[in-house]
């Protein structure tokens, strides 16, 4: 048997909704959809345009700019650095070392250091160890053995004289003149005046001021309690009026009107944004299909049937032979340059041999060591025995033959 006491809420129903919420929901959503749809379509159109421009224009343009930068700037700069600037830098470094560092190093090592060591340091060390140290030891002995006892006696005599002439008279004057006068002429009368006159007068004044303060405090307390009772009544009345006339209407308006209206507007914006997205996507797909059937399909068919065969013909009949001819020309140029470099290297070597002469090993007619013995050669040492020409085991091979 079904339970009639429980039931399910209808879809889209939220607890606490009233008739006003139900009445304003559909009109608000319709109005918001009408307002949001153009904005969503403009936003989707701008997004699609940006993606198309990025894919069709910006990325190829960026790749072309990078290729131009690499071809026109980076490659010449690399060649310039490796082919021109690096040899110039090495030559400049060699010249700087040869003209600046090595002369100053030799000057420091062979002039400044010997002069400082043997012209200044060695005489100064000898003077310190042979003259100044014995002289200092002698002066210290004179000071400790002769002058110190005389100084100690003089200081003791002066201290005793100062004590007798200054310290003892001043101590007597302080003890027998200044102390009695201060004690019996000033301190004792002041203490008697404080104990017998100022203390009773101060106690009497404090008692009078205490009584006056207590009376004034009691009077002020009574006045404050009366004012507090009156102010509390007025405050309660003002608070009740404010709560009844201001806070309660504002709270009811906020809770019953503004909160549902704001919630419905937010929900309407969300729903309208999604619906506008669906509509914008459908419109975009329709426009894309129309553009494809009107422009894209004919262009694709023309590209496949006309441009592709023409391009293949140009590639096979024009570009490939031109590329092969360029490769052959490049190889011929590289071969000629290699031959020219080898000729220049041989000419430079011949010029250097003509200016300096051949190396010592090439000029000398004597061998640098005992040469390897070959067939037909004779031993250069008279006492050396002639080695047999028959390899080990040759007799056996001959006998077998």
Protein backbone atom coordinates (compact mmCIF):
# COMPACT_ATOMS: atom_id res chain seq x y z
CA UNK A 1 0.00 0.00 0.00
CA UNK A 2 1.48 3.32 -0.99
CA UNK A 3 2.35 5.88 1.64
CA UNK A 4 0.31 9.05 0.86
CA UNK A 5 2.09 11.01 3.62
CA UNK A 6 5.34 11.30 1.65
CA UNK A 7 5.78 12.73 -1.85
CA UNK A 8 8.63 13.81 -4.10
CA UNK A 9 9.34 17.43 -4.96
CA UNK A 10 8.89 18.41 -8.62
CA UNK A 11 12.07 18.91 -10.73
CA UNK A 12 13.71 22.30 -10.31
CA UNK A 13 12.02 22.91 -6.96
CA UNK A 14 14.16 24.14 -4.08
CA UNK A 15 13.02 24.34 -0.44
CA UNK A 16 12.03 27.82 0.64
CA UNK A 17 10.94 29.04 -2.82
CA UNK A 18 7.80 31.11 -2.96
CA UNK A 19 5.29 32.20 -5.56
CA UNK A 20 7.41 35.23 -6.49
CA UNK A 21 10.35 33.01 -7.40
CA UNK A 22 8.17 30.78 -9.55
CA UNK A 23 6.65 33.78 -11.32
CA UNK A 24 9.92 35.56 -12.19
CA UNK A 25 12.00 32.49 -13.17
CA UNK A 26 10.89 31.94 -16.79
CA UNK A 27 10.70 35.66 -17.82
CA UNK A 28 14.09 36.38 -16.29
CA UNK A 29 15.66 33.43 -18.12
CA UNK A 30 14.12 34.48 -21.43
CA UNK A 31 15.32 38.09 -21.03
CA UNK A 32 18.81 36.98 -19.97
CA UNK A 33 19.03 34.56 -22.93
CA UNK A 34 18.11 37.37 -25.34
CA UNK A 35 20.81 39.58 -23.79
CA UNK A 36 23.52 36.90 -23.48
CA UNK A 37 23.14 35.23 -26.91
CA UNK A 38 24.76 38.08 -28.96
CA UNK A 39 27.64 38.33 -26.49
CA UNK A 40 28.25 34.56 -26.60
CA UNK A 41 28.10 34.48 -30.41
CA UNK A 42 30.53 37.41 -30.67
CA UNK A 43 32.87 35.72 -28.20
CA UNK A 44 32.77 32.39 -30.09
CA UNK A 45 33.30 34.18 -33.42
CA UNK A 46 36.32 36.07 -32.07
CA UNK A 47 37.74 32.85 -30.61
CA UNK A 48 37.36 30.99 -33.89
CA UNK A 49 38.88 33.92 -35.80
CA UNK A 50 41.86 34.03 -33.45
CA UNK A 51 42.49 30.27 -33.79
CA UNK A 52 42.21 30.52 -37.58
CA UNK A 53 44.60 33.48 -37.78
CA UNK A 54 47.04 31.72 -35.46
CA UNK A 55 46.97 28.49 -37.45
CA UNK A 56 46.95 29.99 -40.95
CA UNK A 57 48.99 33.21 -40.59
CA UNK A 58 50.93 33.60 -37.34
CA UNK A 59 52.57 30.16 -37.12
CA UNK A 60 53.79 30.08 -40.77
CA UNK A 61 54.93 33.68 -40.45
CA UNK A 62 56.85 32.80 -37.28
CA UNK A 63 58.50 29.80 -38.95
CA UNK A 64 59.43 31.94 -41.96
CA UNK A 65 60.92 34.62 -39.72
CA UNK A 66 62.92 31.99 -37.83
CA UNK A 67 64.23 30.55 -41.10
CA UNK A 68 65.19 34.01 -42.35
CA UNK A 69 66.91 34.80 -39.04
CA UNK A 70 68.85 31.55 -39.14
CA UNK A 71 69.77 31.89 -42.83
CA UNK A 72 70.55 35.61 -43.05
CA UNK A 73 71.89 36.36 -39.56
CA UNK A 74 72.97 33.32 -37.55
CA UNK A 75 74.75 31.43 -40.32
CA UNK A 76 76.83 34.47 -41.52
CA UNK A 77 77.59 35.37 -37.93
CA UNK A 78 78.72 31.81 -37.19
CA UNK A 79 80.92 31.77 -40.28
CA UNK A 80 82.33 35.19 -39.38
CA UNK A 81 83.10 34.11 -35.83
CA UNK A 82 84.67 30.77 -36.74
CA UNK A 83 86.42 31.83 -39.93
CA UNK A 84 87.54 35.40 -39.19
CA UNK A 85 87.14 36.48 -35.61
CA UNK A 86 88.50 33.29 -34.01
CA UNK A 87 91.86 33.42 -35.92
CA UNK A 88 92.07 37.17 -35.27
CA UNK A 89 91.39 36.57 -31.59
CA UNK A 90 94.06 33.88 -31.38
CA UNK A 91 96.56 36.13 -33.16
CA UNK A 92 95.69 39.04 -30.86
CA UNK A 93 96.05 36.79 -27.82
CA UNK A 94 99.46 35.57 -29.05
CA UNK A 95 100.59 39.15 -29.70
CA UNK A 96 99.33 40.26 -26.27
CA UNK A 97 101.20 37.43 -24.57
CA UNK A 98 104.35 38.06 -26.61
CA UNK A 99 104.36 41.85 -26.29
CA UNK A 100 102.86 42.44 -22.83
CA UNK A 101 102.83 39.42 -20.54
CA UNK A 102 106.19 37.85 -21.31
CA UNK A 103 108.25 41.10 -21.04
CA UNK A 104 106.60 42.04 -17.75
CA UNK A 105 107.02 38.47 -16.44
CA UNK A 106 110.71 38.51 -17.36
CA UNK A 107 111.13 41.98 -15.81
CA UNK A 108 109.46 40.80 -12.59
CA UNK A 109 111.35 37.51 -12.44
CA UNK A 110 114.85 38.67 -13.43
CA UNK A 111 114.90 42.33 -12.29
CA UNK A 112 112.33 43.23 -9.62
CA UNK A 113 112.58 40.01 -7.56
CA UNK A 114 116.44 39.91 -7.42
CA UNK A 115 116.61 43.66 -6.61
CA UNK A 116 114.00 43.34 -3.86
CA UNK A 117 115.57 40.16 -2.45
CA UNK A 118 119.29 41.01 -2.56
CA UNK A 119 119.09 44.81 -2.51
CA UNK A 120 116.42 45.41 0.19
CA UNK A 121 115.39 42.25 2.04
CA UNK A 122 118.87 40.79 2.70
CA UNK A 123 120.39 44.10 4.03
CA UNK A 124 117.29 44.74 6.14
CA UNK A 125 117.49 41.24 7.70
CA UNK A 126 121.22 41.67 8.39
CA UNK A 127 120.65 45.12 9.95
CA UNK A 128 117.84 43.76 12.17
CA UNK A 129 119.72 40.67 13.33
CA UNK A 130 123.22 42.19 13.66
CA UNK A 131 122.54 45.80 14.79
CA UNK A 132 119.03 46.47 16.04
CA UNK A 133 118.58 43.31 18.14
CA UNK A 134 121.86 43.73 20.15
CA UNK A 135 121.11 47.45 20.57
CA UNK A 136 117.60 46.69 21.88
CA UNK A 137 118.94 44.08 24.31
CA UNK A 138 121.48 46.60 25.64
CA UNK A 139 118.82 49.31 26.12
CA UNK A 140 116.52 46.85 27.91
CA UNK A 141 119.35 45.83 30.30
CA UNK A 142 120.10 49.49 31.07
CA UNK A 143 116.44 50.19 31.79
CA UNK A 144 115.88 47.15 34.02
CA UNK A 145 119.19 47.20 35.88
CA UNK A 146 119.80 50.94 36.39
CA UNK A 147 116.72 53.07 35.81
CA UNK A 148 113.98 50.86 37.32
CA UNK A 149 115.32 50.83 40.96
CA UNK A 150 115.86 54.60 40.92
CA UNK A 151 112.36 55.17 39.52
CA UNK A 152 110.71 52.94 42.16
CA UNK A 153 112.49 54.80 45.01
CA UNK A 154 111.52 58.20 43.64
CA UNK A 155 107.85 57.17 43.28
CA UNK A 156 107.72 55.85 46.85
CA UNK A 157 109.21 59.08 48.23
CA UNK A 158 106.77 61.28 46.30
CA UNK A 159 103.80 59.13 47.47
CA UNK A 160 104.85 59.44 51.12
CA UNK A 161 105.33 63.21 50.79
CA UNK A 162 101.85 63.61 49.17
CA UNK A 163 100.24 61.60 51.95
CA UNK A 164 101.85 63.70 54.71
CA UNK A 165 101.24 67.08 53.08
CA UNK A 166 97.76 66.56 51.51
CA UNK A 167 95.87 63.42 52.57
CA UNK A 168 96.41 63.68 56.35
CA UNK A 169 95.37 67.41 56.66
CA UNK A 170 92.30 66.87 54.50
CA UNK A 171 91.22 63.83 56.52
CA UNK A 172 91.53 65.75 59.80
CA UNK A 173 89.51 68.69 58.48
CA UNK A 174 86.72 66.32 57.24
CA UNK A 175 86.54 64.29 60.46
CA UNK A 176 86.77 67.07 63.10
CA UNK A 177 85.21 70.08 61.35
CA UNK A 178 82.88 69.29 58.41
CA UNK A 179 81.18 66.15 59.81
CA UNK A 180 80.19 67.66 63.26
CA UNK A 181 78.92 70.89 61.66
CA UNK A 182 76.77 68.98 59.11
CA UNK A 183 75.40 66.53 61.69
CA UNK A 184 74.48 68.90 64.59
CA UNK A 185 73.87 72.06 62.56
CA UNK A 186 71.74 70.70 59.70
CA UNK A 187 70.69 67.02 59.91
CA UNK A 188 69.43 66.93 63.53
CA UNK A 189 67.20 70.08 63.25
CA UNK A 190 65.75 68.84 59.90
CA UNK A 191 64.88 65.41 61.38
CA UNK A 192 63.18 67.00 64.46
CA UNK A 193 61.17 69.33 62.18
CA UNK A 194 60.04 66.37 59.97
CA UNK A 195 59.06 64.16 62.93
CA UNK A 196 57.26 66.71 65.14
CA UNK A 197 55.81 69.26 62.65
CA UNK A 198 55.51 67.97 59.02
CA UNK A 199 54.26 64.45 59.79
CA UNK A 200 51.22 65.49 61.97
CA UNK A 201 50.27 68.23 59.50
CA UNK A 202 50.40 65.77 56.55
CA UNK A 203 48.24 63.20 58.36
CA UNK A 204 45.59 65.81 59.15
CA UNK A 205 45.49 67.03 55.52
CA UNK A 206 45.21 63.44 54.22
CA UNK A 207 42.23 62.71 56.58
CA UNK A 208 40.41 65.84 55.39
CA UNK A 209 41.02 65.08 51.69
CA UNK A 210 39.85 61.46 52.16
CA UNK A 211 36.55 62.55 53.70
CA UNK A 212 35.97 65.09 50.92
CA UNK A 213 36.71 62.49 48.21
CA UNK A 214 34.33 59.94 49.75
CA UNK A 215 31.49 62.50 49.83
CA UNK A 216 32.07 63.57 46.25
CA UNK A 217 32.23 59.94 45.08
CA UNK A 218 28.92 59.05 46.80
CA UNK A 219 27.21 62.09 45.19
CA UNK A 220 28.56 61.26 41.71
CA UNK A 221 27.45 57.62 42.10
CA UNK A 222 23.90 58.61 42.84
CA UNK A 223 23.79 60.98 39.85
CA UNK A 224 25.31 58.31 37.54
CA UNK A 225 22.80 55.64 38.59
CA UNK A 226 19.90 58.01 37.88
CA UNK A 227 21.29 58.93 34.45
CA UNK A 228 21.97 55.26 33.63
CA UNK A 229 18.40 54.25 34.42
CA UNK A 230 17.03 57.05 32.24
CA UNK A 231 19.44 56.30 29.35
CA UNK A 232 18.67 52.55 29.49
CA UNK A 233 14.96 53.22 29.05
CA UNK A 234 15.56 55.60 26.15
CA UNK A 235 17.98 53.15 24.50
CA UNK A 236 15.50 50.28 24.71
CA UNK A 237 12.80 52.44 23.17
CA UNK A 238 15.04 53.62 20.31
CA UNK A 239 16.29 50.08 19.68
CA UNK A 240 12.70 48.74 19.51
CA UNK A 241 11.72 51.47 17.07
CA UNK A 242 14.78 50.84 14.85
CA UNK A 243 14.23 47.07 14.84
CA UNK A 244 10.51 47.47 14.08
CA UNK A 245 10.65 50.26 11.51
CA UNK A 246 14.02 49.69 9.76
CA UNK A 247 15.69 46.33 10.40
CA UNK A 248 12.64 44.09 10.07
CA UNK A 249 11.47 45.57 6.69
CA UNK A 250 15.00 45.59 5.29
CA UNK A 251 15.59 41.99 6.43
CA UNK A 252 12.27 40.83 4.96
CA UNK A 253 13.03 42.60 1.68
CA UNK A 254 16.52 41.10 1.47
CA UNK A 255 15.39 37.60 2.39
CA UNK A 256 12.15 37.45 0.40
CA UNK A 257 12.96 39.59 -2.66
CA UNK A 258 16.66 40.30 -3.20
CA UNK A 259 18.05 36.83 -2.40
CA UNK A 260 15.57 34.94 -4.67
CA UNK A 261 15.98 37.55 -7.40
CA UNK A 262 19.78 37.38 -7.27
CA UNK A 263 19.77 33.56 -7.20
CA UNK A 264 17.40 33.42 -10.16
CA UNK A 265 19.46 35.94 -12.11
CA UNK A 266 22.65 33.91 -11.47
CA UNK A 267 20.96 30.65 -12.49
CA UNK A 268 19.47 32.36 -15.53
CA UNK A 269 22.91 33.65 -16.58
CA UNK A 270 24.41 30.15 -16.28
CA UNK A 271 21.59 28.47 -18.20
CA UNK A 272 21.52 31.21 -20.85
CA UNK A 273 25.29 30.99 -21.33
CA UNK A 274 25.07 27.24 -21.95
CA UNK A 275 22.08 27.57 -24.31
CA UNK A 276 23.83 30.42 -26.15
CA UNK A 277 26.88 28.15 -26.53
CA UNK A 278 24.76 25.42 -28.12
CA UNK A 279 23.10 27.93 -30.46
CA UNK A 280 26.45 29.56 -31.36
CA UNK A 281 28.03 26.14 -32.03
CA UNK A 282 25.11 25.16 -34.27
CA UNK A 283 25.33 28.46 -36.18
CA UNK A 284 29.08 28.08 -36.56
CA UNK A 285 28.77 24.52 -37.86
CA UNK A 286 26.12 25.64 -40.33
CA UNK A 287 28.33 28.50 -41.57
CA UNK A 288 31.32 26.15 -41.80
CA UNK A 289 29.30 23.63 -43.84
CA UNK A 290 28.08 26.38 -46.19
CA UNK A 291 31.64 27.73 -46.61
CA UNK A 292 32.95 24.22 -47.30
CA UNK A 293 30.35 23.43 -49.97
CA UNK A 294 30.70 26.86 -51.59
CA UNK A 295 34.46 27.44 -51.35
CA UNK A 296 36.36 24.55 -49.77
CA UNK A 297 35.12 21.64 -51.89
CA UNK A 298 35.67 23.42 -55.25
CA UNK A 299 39.10 24.62 -54.15
CA UNK A 300 40.06 21.11 -52.99
CA UNK A 301 38.85 19.55 -56.24
CA UNK A 302 40.78 22.16 -58.27
CA UNK A 303 43.91 21.53 -56.20
CA UNK A 304 43.72 17.75 -56.68
CA UNK A 305 42.86 17.83 -60.38
CA UNK A 306 44.99 20.78 -61.54
CA UNK A 307 47.62 22.01 -59.08
CA UNK A 308 48.93 18.60 -57.97
CA UNK A 309 49.74 17.29 -61.51
CA UNK A 310 51.33 20.61 -62.46
CA UNK A 311 53.41 20.56 -59.29
CA UNK A 312 54.55 16.98 -59.87
CA UNK A 313 55.51 17.85 -63.45
CA UNK A 314 57.52 20.88 -62.30
CA UNK A 315 59.20 18.85 -59.56
CA UNK A 316 60.21 15.99 -61.86
CA UNK A 317 60.96 17.94 -65.04
CA UNK A 318 62.49 21.21 -63.70
CA UNK A 319 63.44 21.16 -60.05
CA UNK A 320 65.09 17.71 -59.89
CA UNK A 321 67.48 18.35 -62.87
CA UNK A 322 68.26 21.82 -61.49
CA UNK A 323 69.03 20.30 -58.07
CA UNK A 324 71.29 17.65 -59.60
CA UNK A 325 73.10 20.28 -61.71
CA UNK A 326 73.59 22.46 -58.63
CA UNK A 327 74.95 19.47 -56.69
CA UNK A 328 77.40 18.62 -59.49
CA UNK A 329 78.52 22.26 -59.69
CA UNK A 330 79.00 22.35 -55.93
CA UNK A 331 81.10 19.19 -55.99
CA UNK A 332 83.22 20.60 -58.83
CA UNK A 333 83.74 23.86 -56.93
CA UNK A 334 84.68 21.97 -53.75
CA UNK A 335 87.15 19.81 -55.72
CA UNK A 336 88.72 22.91 -57.28
CA UNK A 337 88.97 24.63 -53.92
CA UNK A 338 90.57 21.53 -52.37
CA UNK A 339 93.13 21.41 -55.22
CA UNK A 340 93.85 25.13 -54.78
CA UNK A 341 94.33 24.67 -51.04
CA UNK A 342 96.70 21.74 -51.59
CA UNK A 343 98.67 23.77 -54.20
CA UNK A 344 98.93 26.72 -51.80
CA UNK A 345 100.07 24.37 -49.02
CA UNK A 346 102.77 22.85 -51.24
CA UNK A 347 103.92 26.31 -52.34
CA UNK A 348 104.10 27.50 -48.74
CA UNK A 349 106.09 24.39 -47.76
CA UNK A 350 108.52 24.88 -50.67
CA UNK A 351 108.95 28.57 -49.80
CA UNK A 352 109.64 27.70 -46.16
CA UNK A 353 112.18 25.02 -47.24
CA UNK A 354 113.86 27.56 -49.54
CA UNK A 355 114.09 30.18 -46.77
CA UNK A 356 115.02 27.97 -43.80
CA UNK A 357 116.42 24.87 -45.42
CA UNK A 358 115.62 21.20 -45.18
CA UNK A 359 115.43 19.52 -41.78
CA UNK A 360 118.62 18.09 -40.28
CA UNK A 361 117.60 14.49 -40.91
CA UNK A 362 116.99 15.23 -44.59
CA UNK A 363 120.32 17.14 -45.04
CA UNK A 364 122.53 14.58 -43.32
CA UNK A 365 123.89 11.79 -45.52
CA UNK A 366 124.56 9.47 -42.58
CA UNK A 367 121.82 7.07 -41.49
CA UNK A 368 120.21 7.78 -38.12
CA UNK A 369 120.45 4.07 -37.16
CA UNK A 370 121.18 0.64 -38.56
CA UNK A 371 118.83 0.26 -41.54
CA UNK A 372 116.70 -2.78 -42.00
CA UNK A 373 118.45 -5.46 -44.09
CA UNK A 374 116.82 -6.26 -47.42
CA UNK A 375 117.53 -8.60 -50.28
CA UNK A 376 120.67 -7.43 -52.00
CA UNK A 377 121.94 -5.32 -49.12
CA UNK A 378 125.32 -5.89 -47.47
CA UNK A 379 126.22 -5.43 -43.81
CA UNK A 380 127.76 -2.04 -43.08
CA UNK A 381 129.79 -3.31 -40.11
CA UNK A 382 132.94 -5.16 -41.25
CA UNK A 383 133.00 -7.58 -38.34
CA UNK A 384 129.30 -8.50 -38.64
CA UNK A 385 128.68 -12.04 -39.88
CA UNK A 386 126.67 -12.63 -42.99
CA UNK A 387 123.21 -13.86 -42.06
CA UNK A 388 121.84 -16.84 -43.84
CA UNK A 389 119.21 -16.24 -46.45
CA UNK A 390 117.52 -19.58 -45.77
CA UNK A 391 114.54 -19.36 -43.42
CA UNK A 392 114.35 -21.72 -40.50
CA UNK A 393 113.43 -25.15 -41.72
CA UNK A 394 114.49 -24.39 -45.29
CA UNK A 395 116.70 -27.53 -45.63
CA UNK A 396 113.78 -29.74 -44.84
CA UNK A 397 111.62 -27.93 -47.37
CA UNK A 398 114.34 -28.34 -50.06
CA UNK A 399 114.80 -32.02 -49.25
CA UNK A 400 111.12 -32.58 -49.56
CA UNK A 401 111.07 -30.85 -52.91
